[in-house]
Protein backbone atom coordinates (compact mmCIF):
# COMPACT_ATOMS: atom_id res chain seq x y z
CA UNK A 1 0.00 0.00 0.00
CA UNK A 2 1.42 3.40 -0.99
CA UNK A 3 1.61 6.37 1.31
CA UNK A 4 -0.25 9.52 0.41
CA UNK A 5 1.68 12.51 -0.91
CA UNK A 6 1.57 14.32 2.42
CA UNK A 7 3.30 11.43 4.18
CA UNK A 8 5.88 10.99 1.38
CA UNK A 9 6.86 14.65 1.18
CA UNK A 10 7.13 15.17 4.92
CA UNK A 11 10.51 16.61 5.86
CA UNK A 12 9.89 17.24 9.55
CA UNK A 13 13.12 17.43 11.51
CA UNK A 14 12.89 15.18 14.57
CA UNK A 15 14.90 15.79 17.72
CA UNK A 16 17.91 17.52 16.32
CA UNK A 17 18.58 15.90 12.95
CA UNK A 18 17.00 15.08 9.62
CA UNK A 19 15.55 11.61 9.21
CA UNK A 20 14.29 11.07 5.68
CA UNK A 21 14.04 7.29 5.62
CA UNK A 22 11.11 5.80 3.76
CA UNK A 23 8.65 3.51 5.48
CA UNK A 24 10.26 0.51 3.79
CA UNK A 25 13.70 1.54 5.11
CA UNK A 26 12.44 1.85 8.67
CA UNK A 27 10.71 -1.53 8.52
CA UNK A 28 13.97 -3.28 7.58
CA UNK A 29 14.81 -3.45 11.29
CA UNK A 30 14.11 -6.80 12.96
CA UNK A 31 12.03 -5.10 15.66
CA UNK A 32 9.25 -4.59 13.09
CA UNK A 33 9.16 -8.18 11.80
CA UNK A 34 5.83 -8.83 13.55
CA UNK A 35 4.20 -5.83 11.90
CA UNK A 36 2.68 -5.74 8.44
CA UNK A 37 3.90 -2.89 6.24
CA UNK A 38 0.44 -2.45 4.72
CA UNK A 39 -1.14 -2.09 8.18
CA UNK A 40 1.34 0.57 9.28
CA UNK A 41 0.94 2.41 5.98
CA UNK A 42 -2.84 2.36 6.48
CA UNK A 43 -2.53 3.79 10.00
CA UNK A 44 -0.33 6.59 8.69
CA UNK A 45 -2.70 7.36 5.81
CA UNK A 46 -5.66 7.43 8.23
CA UNK A 47 -3.86 9.97 10.41
CA UNK A 48 -3.41 7.75 13.46
CA UNK A 49 0.23 8.83 13.54
CA UNK A 50 2.72 10.35 11.11
CA UNK A 51 5.68 8.92 9.22
CA UNK A 52 8.08 11.28 11.08
CA UNK A 53 6.57 9.99 14.33
CA UNK A 54 7.14 6.39 13.23
CA UNK A 55 10.75 7.21 12.32
CA UNK A 56 11.20 8.80 15.73
CA UNK A 57 9.75 5.75 17.46
CA UNK A 58 12.18 3.51 15.57
CA UNK A 59 15.14 5.63 16.66
CA UNK A 60 13.84 5.74 20.21
CA UNK A 61 13.56 1.94 20.37
CA UNK A 62 17.04 1.67 18.87
CA UNK A 63 18.40 3.85 21.68
CA UNK A 64 16.69 1.64 24.26
CA UNK A 65 18.10 -1.51 22.64
CA UNK A 66 21.59 -0.06 22.97
CA UNK A 67 21.00 0.14 26.74
CA UNK A 68 19.37 -3.30 26.94
CA UNK A 69 16.11 -1.65 27.97
CA UNK A 70 12.51 -2.06 26.82
CA UNK A 71 9.55 0.32 26.80
CA UNK A 72 8.10 -1.68 29.70
CA UNK A 73 10.97 -0.92 32.05
CA UNK A 74 12.46 2.56 31.82
CA UNK A 75 12.83 5.16 34.54
CA UNK A 76 12.00 8.80 33.96
CA UNK A 77 15.64 9.87 34.40
CA UNK A 78 16.74 7.35 31.74
CA UNK A 79 13.95 8.50 29.43
CA UNK A 80 15.14 12.10 29.69
CA UNK A 81 18.73 11.01 29.03
CA UNK A 82 17.71 9.08 25.90
CA UNK A 83 15.78 12.04 24.52
CA UNK A 84 18.65 14.41 25.27
CA UNK A 85 21.04 12.18 23.35
CA UNK A 86 18.68 12.22 20.38
CA UNK A 87 18.72 16.03 20.43
CA UNK A 88 16.50 18.84 21.72
CA UNK A 89 12.90 17.56 21.83
CA UNK A 90 9.97 19.82 21.03
CA UNK A 91 6.25 19.57 21.70
CA UNK A 92 5.56 18.63 18.07
CA UNK A 93 8.25 15.96 18.01
CA UNK A 94 7.36 14.37 21.33
CA UNK A 95 3.67 14.37 20.40
CA UNK A 96 4.48 12.57 17.14
CA UNK A 97 6.53 9.98 19.04
CA UNK A 98 3.78 9.49 21.63
CA UNK A 99 1.05 8.96 19.01
CA UNK A 100 3.09 6.32 17.19
CA UNK A 101 3.95 4.54 20.44
CA UNK A 102 0.34 4.54 21.68
CA UNK A 103 -1.07 3.23 18.40
CA UNK A 104 1.41 0.41 17.81
CA UNK A 105 1.83 -0.92 21.36
CA UNK A 106 -0.28 -1.39 24.47
CA UNK A 107 0.37 2.01 26.07
CA UNK A 108 3.25 1.49 28.54
CA UNK A 109 3.78 3.50 31.71
CA UNK A 110 6.31 5.77 29.98
CA UNK A 111 3.47 7.35 27.97
CA UNK A 112 2.50 9.16 31.18
CA UNK A 113 6.03 10.56 31.43
CA UNK A 114 5.91 11.71 27.82
CA UNK A 115 2.54 13.39 28.40
CA UNK A 116 3.99 15.16 31.43
CA UNK A 117 7.01 16.39 29.47
CA UNK A 118 4.78 17.68 26.67
CA UNK A 119 2.55 19.50 29.14
CA UNK A 120 5.52 21.12 30.92
CA UNK A 121 6.91 22.31 27.58
CA UNK A 122 3.57 23.84 26.61
CA UNK A 123 3.38 25.59 29.95
CA UNK A 124 6.88 27.04 29.58
CA UNK A 125 6.00 28.30 26.10
CA UNK A 126 2.89 30.03 27.46
CA UNK A 127 4.84 31.65 30.29
CA UNK A 128 7.42 32.99 27.85
CA UNK A 129 4.68 34.56 25.77
CA UNK A 130 2.79 35.92 28.75
CA UNK A 131 5.72 37.33 30.66
CA UNK A 132 5.90 37.67 34.46
CA UNK A 133 2.40 39.14 34.75
CA UNK A 134 0.85 36.42 32.55
CA UNK A 135 -2.50 35.75 34.15
CA UNK A 136 -4.64 38.58 35.39
CA UNK A 137 -6.96 38.06 38.32
CA UNK A 138 -10.61 37.87 37.38
CA UNK A 139 -12.38 41.11 38.12
CA UNK A 140 -14.74 40.89 41.09
CA UNK A 141 -18.32 41.73 40.21
CA UNK A 142 -20.14 41.47 43.54
CA UNK A 143 -17.43 41.75 46.20
CA UNK A 144 -14.15 43.41 47.14
CA UNK A 145 -10.88 41.71 48.19
CA UNK A 146 -10.55 41.07 51.90
CA UNK A 147 -7.59 43.44 51.93
CA UNK A 148 -9.96 46.28 50.93
CA UNK A 149 -12.15 45.84 54.02
CA UNK A 150 -11.87 48.22 56.99
CA UNK A 151 -9.11 47.34 59.44
CA UNK A 152 -11.57 46.49 62.22
CA UNK A 153 -13.39 44.04 59.94
CA UNK A 154 -10.15 42.38 58.84
CA UNK A 155 -9.09 42.02 62.48
CA UNK A 156 -12.46 40.49 63.39
CA UNK A 157 -12.22 37.96 60.54
CA UNK A 158 -8.67 37.07 61.62
CA UNK A 159 -9.92 36.49 65.19
CA UNK A 160 -12.72 34.29 63.84
CA UNK A 161 -10.21 32.10 62.03
CA UNK A 162 -8.30 31.72 65.30
CA UNK A 163 -11.53 30.70 67.07
CA UNK A 164 -11.55 33.77 69.32
CA UNK A 165 -15.04 34.58 70.71
CA UNK A 166 -16.52 37.92 69.76
CA UNK A 167 -18.45 40.50 71.81
CA UNK A 168 -21.83 38.74 71.61
CA UNK A 169 -21.22 35.72 69.37
CA UNK A 170 -18.80 32.83 69.12
CA UNK A 171 -16.46 32.22 66.22
CA UNK A 172 -18.05 30.03 63.52
CA UNK A 173 -16.41 26.98 61.95
CA UNK A 174 -13.55 27.75 59.51
CA UNK A 175 -15.63 26.85 56.45
CA UNK A 176 -18.46 29.10 57.69
CA UNK A 177 -15.98 31.92 58.34
CA UNK A 178 -14.90 31.81 54.71
CA UNK A 179 -18.52 32.16 53.59
CA UNK A 180 -19.13 34.95 56.09
CA UNK A 181 -16.08 36.78 54.74
CA UNK A 182 -17.53 36.64 51.22
CA UNK A 183 -20.84 38.09 52.41
CA UNK A 184 -19.11 40.91 54.27
CA UNK A 185 -17.07 41.60 51.12
CA UNK A 186 -20.31 41.77 49.13
CA UNK A 187 -21.73 44.31 51.57
CA UNK A 188 -18.54 46.36 51.22
CA UNK A 189 -18.92 46.29 47.43
CA UNK A 190 -22.45 47.69 47.74
CA UNK A 191 -21.22 50.57 49.90
CA UNK A 192 -18.55 51.36 47.30
CA UNK A 193 -21.03 51.41 44.43
CA UNK A 194 -23.46 53.67 46.35
CA UNK A 195 -20.65 55.90 47.66
CA UNK A 196 -21.55 55.08 51.27
CA UNK A 197 -19.19 54.83 54.20
CA UNK A 198 -17.87 51.27 54.59
CA UNK A 199 -19.48 50.57 57.94
CA UNK A 200 -22.26 48.23 59.01
CA UNK A 201 -25.34 50.36 59.69
CA UNK A 202 -29.04 50.02 59.05
CA UNK A 203 -28.60 52.05 55.85
CA UNK A 204 -25.86 49.81 54.44
CA UNK A 205 -27.72 46.67 55.58
CA UNK A 206 -30.85 47.81 53.71
CA UNK A 207 -28.75 48.56 50.62
CA UNK A 208 -27.13 45.11 50.79
CA UNK A 209 -30.48 43.33 51.15
CA UNK A 210 -31.86 45.30 48.21
CA UNK A 211 -28.84 44.30 46.09
CA UNK A 212 -29.52 40.63 46.87
CA UNK A 213 -33.13 40.97 45.79
CA UNK A 214 -32.26 42.80 42.57
CA UNK A 215 -29.47 40.63 41.19
CA UNK A 216 -29.49 40.27 37.41
CA UNK A 217 -29.55 36.52 37.95
CA UNK A 218 -32.17 36.03 40.72
CA UNK A 219 -30.87 34.46 43.90
CA UNK A 220 -32.68 31.62 45.65
CA UNK A 221 -34.63 32.50 48.78
CA UNK A 222 -32.30 30.28 50.84
CA UNK A 223 -29.27 32.16 49.51
CA UNK A 224 -30.71 35.55 50.51
CA UNK A 225 -31.65 34.19 53.94
CA UNK A 226 -28.20 32.68 54.44
CA UNK A 227 -26.48 35.93 53.42
CA UNK A 228 -28.41 37.94 56.00
CA UNK A 229 -27.74 35.29 58.66
CA UNK A 230 -24.00 35.83 58.15
CA UNK A 231 -24.30 39.62 58.30
CA UNK A 232 -26.40 39.32 61.48
CA UNK A 233 -23.78 37.05 63.06
CA UNK A 234 -21.02 39.47 62.07
CA UNK A 235 -22.86 42.37 63.70
CA UNK A 236 -23.11 40.43 66.96
CA UNK A 237 -19.45 39.38 66.76
CA UNK A 238 -18.42 43.03 66.38
CA UNK A 239 -20.67 44.04 69.28
CA UNK A 240 -22.56 46.66 67.26
CA UNK A 241 -25.61 48.67 68.33
CA UNK A 242 -28.40 46.49 69.76
CA UNK A 243 -31.02 48.19 67.60
CA UNK A 244 -29.07 47.24 64.46
CA UNK A 245 -28.65 43.65 65.68
CA UNK A 246 -32.39 43.44 66.41
CA UNK A 247 -33.23 44.87 62.98
CA UNK A 248 -31.04 42.29 61.23
CA UNK A 249 -32.58 39.50 63.35
CA UNK A 250 -36.01 40.60 62.16
CA UNK A 251 -34.93 40.52 58.52
CA UNK A 252 -33.49 37.03 59.04
CA UNK A 253 -36.82 35.83 60.49
CA UNK A 254 -38.73 37.37 57.59
CA UNK A 255 -36.65 35.62 54.95
CA UNK A 256 -36.75 32.36 56.93
CA UNK A 257 -40.55 32.42 56.77
CA UNK A 258 -40.40 33.11 53.03
CA UNK A 259 -38.14 30.10 52.56
CA UNK A 260 -40.74 27.85 54.19
CA UNK A 261 -43.32 28.78 51.57
CA UNK A 262 -41.02 28.06 48.61
CA UNK A 263 -39.57 24.87 47.20
CA UNK A 264 -35.79 25.15 47.53
CA UNK A 265 -33.83 25.20 44.28
CA UNK A 266 -31.82 22.25 45.56
CA UNK A 267 -34.94 20.14 45.92
CA UNK A 268 -36.14 21.05 42.45
CA UNK A 269 -32.76 20.08 41.02
CA UNK A 270 -32.74 16.82 42.96
CA UNK A 271 -35.82 15.77 41.03
CA UNK A 272 -33.91 16.19 37.78
CA UNK A 273 -31.00 13.97 38.82
CA UNK A 274 -31.22 10.45 37.31
CA UNK A 275 -31.64 7.36 39.44
CA UNK A 276 -28.56 5.66 40.84
CA UNK A 277 -28.75 2.99 38.16
CA UNK A 278 -28.84 5.62 35.41
CA UNK A 279 -25.97 7.58 36.99
CA UNK A 280 -23.74 4.51 37.19
CA UNK A 281 -24.65 3.40 33.67
CA UNK A 282 -23.64 6.85 32.44
CA UNK A 283 -20.38 6.68 34.40
CA UNK A 284 -19.46 3.31 32.86
CA UNK A 285 -20.24 4.64 29.39
CA UNK A 286 -18.07 7.73 29.97
CA UNK A 287 -15.23 5.50 31.14
CA UNK A 288 -15.54 3.44 27.96
CA UNK A 289 -15.63 6.55 25.76
CA UNK A 290 -12.39 7.76 27.33
CA UNK A 291 -10.54 4.73 25.94
CA UNK A 292 -11.46 5.70 22.38
CA UNK A 293 -10.33 9.32 22.59
CA UNK A 294 -7.05 10.35 20.99
CA UNK A 295 -6.78 13.60 22.93
CA UNK A 296 -5.18 12.84 26.35
CA UNK A 297 -6.70 15.95 27.92
CA UNK A 298 -10.26 14.99 26.90
CA UNK A 299 -9.72 11.35 27.87
CA UNK A 300 -8.60 12.29 31.36
CA UNK A 301 -11.52 14.67 31.77
CA UNK A 302 -13.92 11.84 30.86
CA UNK A 303 -12.28 9.51 33.37
CA UNK A 304 -12.35 12.15 36.10
CA UNK A 305 -16.00 13.00 35.51
CA UNK A 306 -17.00 9.32 35.39
CA UNK A 307 -15.27 8.60 38.70
CA UNK A 308 -16.63 11.75 40.35
CA UNK A 309 -20.28 10.98 39.63
CA UNK A 310 -19.92 7.27 40.42
CA UNK A 311 -17.94 7.44 43.67
CA UNK A 312 -19.88 10.29 45.21
CA UNK A 313 -23.28 8.66 44.81
CA UNK A 314 -22.76 6.27 47.73
CA UNK A 315 -20.29 8.62 49.44
CA UNK A 316 -21.84 12.11 49.27
CA UNK A 317 -18.95 13.81 51.03
CA UNK A 318 -18.74 17.56 51.31
CA UNK A 319 -16.55 19.36 48.82
CA UNK A 320 -13.86 19.97 51.44
CA UNK A 321 -13.60 16.19 52.02
CA UNK A 322 -13.72 15.14 48.35
CA UNK A 323 -10.04 15.80 47.62
CA UNK A 324 -9.02 12.16 48.12
CA UNK A 325 -5.32 11.33 48.18
CA UNK A 326 -3.60 7.94 47.86
CA UNK A 327 -1.84 6.92 51.05
CA UNK A 328 -3.59 9.60 53.10
CA UNK A 329 -7.35 9.20 52.68
CA UNK A 330 -7.48 6.44 50.02
CA UNK A 331 -5.79 3.07 50.58
CA UNK A 332 -5.44 -0.35 48.96
CA UNK A 333 -6.09 -3.30 51.28
CA UNK A 334 -4.96 -5.95 48.81
CA UNK A 335 -8.52 -6.76 47.81
CA UNK A 336 -10.30 -3.41 47.64
CA UNK A 337 -9.88 0.33 47.98
CA UNK A 338 -10.71 1.90 51.30
CA UNK A 339 -11.55 5.52 52.13
CA UNK A 340 -10.42 6.68 55.56
CA UNK A 341 -10.88 10.33 56.52
CA UNK A 342 -9.67 10.85 60.12
CA UNK A 343 -11.75 14.01 60.63
CA UNK A 344 -14.39 15.32 58.25
CA UNK A 345 -14.42 19.05 57.57
CA UNK A 346 -17.65 20.02 59.31
CA UNK A 347 -17.91 17.89 62.44
CA UNK A 348 -14.47 16.22 62.76
CA UNK A 349 -16.02 12.75 62.58
CA UNK A 350 -14.14 9.74 61.24
CA UNK A 351 -15.39 8.50 57.87
CA UNK A 352 -14.50 4.97 56.74
CA UNK A 353 -15.80 3.02 53.78
CA UNK A 354 -14.60 0.11 51.66
CA UNK A 355 -15.30 0.42 47.95
CA UNK A 356 -17.25 -2.34 46.24
CA UNK A 357 -15.22 -3.80 43.31
CA UNK A 358 -17.65 -2.17 40.89
CA UNK A 359 -16.51 1.24 42.10
CA UNK A 360 -12.89 0.11 42.20
CA UNK A 361 -12.77 0.12 38.40
CA UNK A 362 -13.09 3.92 38.42
CA UNK A 363 -10.13 4.27 40.77
CA UNK A 364 -8.14 1.85 38.58
CA UNK A 365 -8.90 3.98 35.53
CA UNK A 366 -7.61 7.11 37.26
CA UNK A 367 -4.44 5.27 38.21
CA UNK A 368 -3.80 3.91 34.70
CA UNK A 369 -4.82 7.06 32.76
CA UNK A 370 -4.98 5.11 29.51
CA UNK A 371 -1.97 2.88 30.16
CA UNK A 372 -2.23 -0.91 29.73
CA UNK A 373 -3.81 -2.71 32.74
CA UNK A 374 -0.61 -4.78 32.95
CA UNK A 375 0.95 -1.82 34.78
CA UNK A 376 -1.84 -1.40 37.33
CA UNK A 377 -0.03 -2.88 40.32
CA UNK A 378 3.16 -0.95 39.56
CA UNK A 379 1.36 2.37 39.10
CA UNK A 380 -0.86 1.80 42.15
CA UNK A 381 2.20 1.36 44.35
CA UNK A 382 3.71 4.48 42.83
CA UNK A 383 0.54 6.49 43.55
CA UNK A 384 0.53 5.35 47.18
CA UNK A 385 4.23 6.10 47.56
CA UNK A 386 3.94 9.55 45.96
CA UNK A 387 0.75 10.44 47.88
CA UNK A 388 -0.84 11.31 44.55
CA UNK A 389 -4.27 12.91 44.41
CA UNK A 390 -7.03 10.69 43.03
CA UNK A 391 -8.21 13.36 40.59
CA UNK A 392 -5.45 14.93 38.51
CA UNK A 393 -5.23 16.64 35.13
CA UNK A 394 -3.82 14.94 32.04
CA UNK A 395 -0.43 16.55 32.73
CA UNK A 396 -0.29 15.20 36.28
CA UNK A 397 -1.07 18.52 37.97
CA UNK A 398 -3.72 18.97 40.65
CA UNK A 399 -7.09 20.44 39.65
CA UNK A 400 -8.79 23.05 41.81
CA UNK A 401 -10.03 22.02 45.25
CA UNK A 402 -13.70 21.97 44.21
CA UNK A 403 -13.13 19.68 41.22
CA UNK A 404 -15.59 16.94 42.21
CA UNK A 405 -18.45 19.42 42.56
CA UNK A 406 -17.38 21.01 39.27
CA UNK A 407 -17.56 17.60 37.56
CA UNK A 408 -21.10 17.05 38.85
CA UNK A 409 -22.10 20.47 37.58
CA UNK A 410 -20.66 19.74 34.14
CA UNK A 411 -22.59 16.44 33.92
CA UNK A 412 -25.84 17.20 35.76
CA UNK A 413 -26.00 20.99 35.92
CA UNK A 414 -25.63 21.18 39.71
CA UNK A 415 -22.83 20.57 42.20
CA UNK A 416 -22.08 17.40 44.15
CA UNK A 417 -23.94 18.75 47.21
CA UNK A 418 -27.09 17.43 45.52
CA UNK A 419 -25.87 13.88 46.22
CA UNK A 420 -26.73 14.33 49.91
CA UNK A 421 -30.30 15.23 49.05
CA UNK A 422 -30.42 12.30 46.64
CA UNK A 423 -29.30 9.69 49.14
CA UNK A 424 -31.76 10.94 51.79
CA UNK A 425 -34.55 10.71 49.23
CA UNK A 426 -33.56 7.21 48.16
CA UNK A 427 -33.17 5.78 51.66
CA UNK A 428 -35.98 7.70 53.39
CA UNK A 429 -38.65 5.35 52.06
CA UNK A 430 -37.06 2.58 54.15
CA UNK A 431 -38.29 4.36 57.26
CA UNK A 432 -36.31 5.47 60.34
CA UNK A 433 -33.59 2.91 59.64
CA UNK A 434 -33.09 4.29 56.15
CA UNK A 435 -32.78 7.79 57.58
CA UNK A 436 -30.10 6.52 59.96
CA UNK A 437 -28.15 4.91 57.13
CA UNK A 438 -28.32 8.11 55.09
CA UNK A 439 -27.04 10.09 58.07
CA UNK A 440 -24.06 7.75 58.34
CA UNK A 441 -23.30 7.99 54.64
CA UNK A 442 -23.40 11.80 54.74
CA UNK A 443 -21.60 12.05 58.11
CA UNK A 444 -24.68 13.85 59.48
CA UNK A 445 -25.47 13.55 63.17
CA UNK A 446 -28.96 15.00 63.62
CA UNK A 447 -32.29 13.65 62.28
CA UNK A 448 -33.25 17.28 61.66
CA UNK A 449 -30.51 17.31 59.04
CA UNK A 450 -32.29 14.50 57.23
CA UNK A 451 -35.47 16.59 57.15
CA UNK A 452 -33.46 19.46 55.66
CA UNK A 453 -31.90 17.39 52.89
CA UNK A 454 -34.84 15.14 52.12
CA UNK A 455 -37.26 16.57 49.56
CA UNK A 456 -39.48 13.68 48.50
CA UNK A 457 -39.05 9.98 47.90
CA UNK A 458 -38.33 9.05 44.32
CA UNK A 459 -38.89 5.68 42.70
CA UNK A 460 -35.56 3.94 42.19
CA UNK A 461 -34.56 0.57 40.86
CA UNK A 462 -30.85 0.73 41.71
CA UNK A 463 -30.46 1.68 45.38
CA UNK A 464 -28.62 -1.62 45.85
CA UNK A 465 -25.56 0.02 44.33
CA UNK A 466 -25.44 2.30 47.32
CA UNK A 467 -26.42 -0.31 49.90
CA UNK A 468 -23.54 -2.56 48.88
CA UNK A 469 -20.97 0.16 49.45
CA UNK A 470 -22.15 1.54 52.78
CA UNK A 471 -20.49 -1.31 54.65
CA UNK A 472 -18.57 0.44 57.41
CA UNK A 473 -20.45 1.73 60.40
CA UNK A 474 -23.42 -0.55 59.61
CA UNK A 475 -23.70 -3.86 61.44
CA UNK A 476 -24.41 -7.20 59.81
CA UNK A 477 -27.74 -7.33 61.68
CA UNK A 478 -28.73 -4.03 60.09
CA UNK A 479 -27.90 -5.37 56.63
CA UNK A 480 -29.83 -8.57 57.25
CA UNK A 481 -32.86 -6.71 58.58
CA UNK A 482 -33.10 -3.95 56.00
CA UNK A 483 -31.01 -4.94 52.98
CA UNK A 484 -31.16 -8.73 53.07
CA UNK A 485 -30.40 -10.25 49.66
CA UNK A 486 -33.30 -12.05 48.07
CA UNK A 487 -33.43 -13.90 44.83
CA UNK A 488 -35.28 -12.31 41.95
CA UNK A 489 -37.10 -13.98 39.14
CA UNK A 490 -34.01 -13.77 36.95
CA UNK A 491 -31.87 -15.48 39.55
CA UNK A 492 -29.92 -12.31 40.39
CA UNK A 493 -29.68 -11.26 44.01
CA UNK A 494 -30.67 -7.76 44.96
CA UNK A 495 -27.51 -5.87 45.76
CA UNK A 496 -25.34 -7.44 43.10
CA UNK A 497 -23.86 -4.95 40.71
CA UNK A 498 -24.55 -5.53 37.08
CA UNK A 499 -21.96 -3.63 35.00
């Protein structure tokens, strides 16, 4: 089979020197005896990889042969040395080499190193073009930086973070303090726009409340109520005038009563989320689609999103607890993966759970990142040793801290917080025991919390996926009483996962 003109006329310089060998010349090497020339020519013509990339792969394998090495066993330092000897690699050249390697062999572990090198080169190119001031901070639309707040406010927020009690209120939890800081910054922004003095008075409080009600994108009633709760707490912490504190308390009560007459946005969105069976079917399909993608960045995004929606159905952890890390909060027992969070973000409770093998496949996929399963054990040990994050970008870097919630929003249009409402809905129809199980899964401690998260009970045909994974903290008697496996007409036991 003849190559097309584009492949024949290619004169791309690869890693420091010209290589103009024809396909026939390259295939003369014994290492290609098992490959059919027509098949390789077809792959090149179809654009799977280029002739320069195939030439580069041949020279790369030749360099490994000279060191008595194979693509299955090569350390990153040796890989860099080999490439340096071949010349000065570029993004284009390394990409061509990687595509040829990935298409002709089961992707070895070194493909991850090549992807990392390519990503680092691209980043350095961008920094050179951007200069020292490359990225500009996104302009704030509704708030001011904390540094722009009055000195007394900044000092109060600093005391809150230290846990120091205020004049008439205690310091909130760290996560709540961060939210309170944002609300105070929003109030400060309103005073700037209206040319008012940056102090907390009845006038500025009224202006802030009016700004919440008149947002271009309407805010939910719960959001407005929550914002005023934070401002009210801040006024008490500062020890401001009692009349102002009483006024804010009245506004909080008013908006609380309005919330009771409205269906929360979260509950409306929960009704749009698919059943557990549909979510997991989608996750498996996304995982499969990732294997057919040629773009490493898109493939990794698919794997990340699939794992995020699958793992956080049975484990609806808060965003602050979702940043799982091998060797710190995620472990391998020899038979299964185990999540162990010594202290959850909100209530410092221990969270432990062993992943059902069905969910283990998503963790395996994030370890392999497209590499052949033959390297799973090796790469798993490396992840545990390196304390690698479970969710990483295609170049090996860490995504932002809220990545899991972001993935849910990209797939379902709402963040991962909706998973807590979902699990309360699914298990609530089992009665008080189901509520208790949902509380354990969400690390909630109060039955009132269940009432807050539960909207209504949806019909579901796949709650067994969740039941099978909520093993820790639930006794065998509880499983036997409420989730006992019974045979179905098809001979499949309830609770067994059907991929």
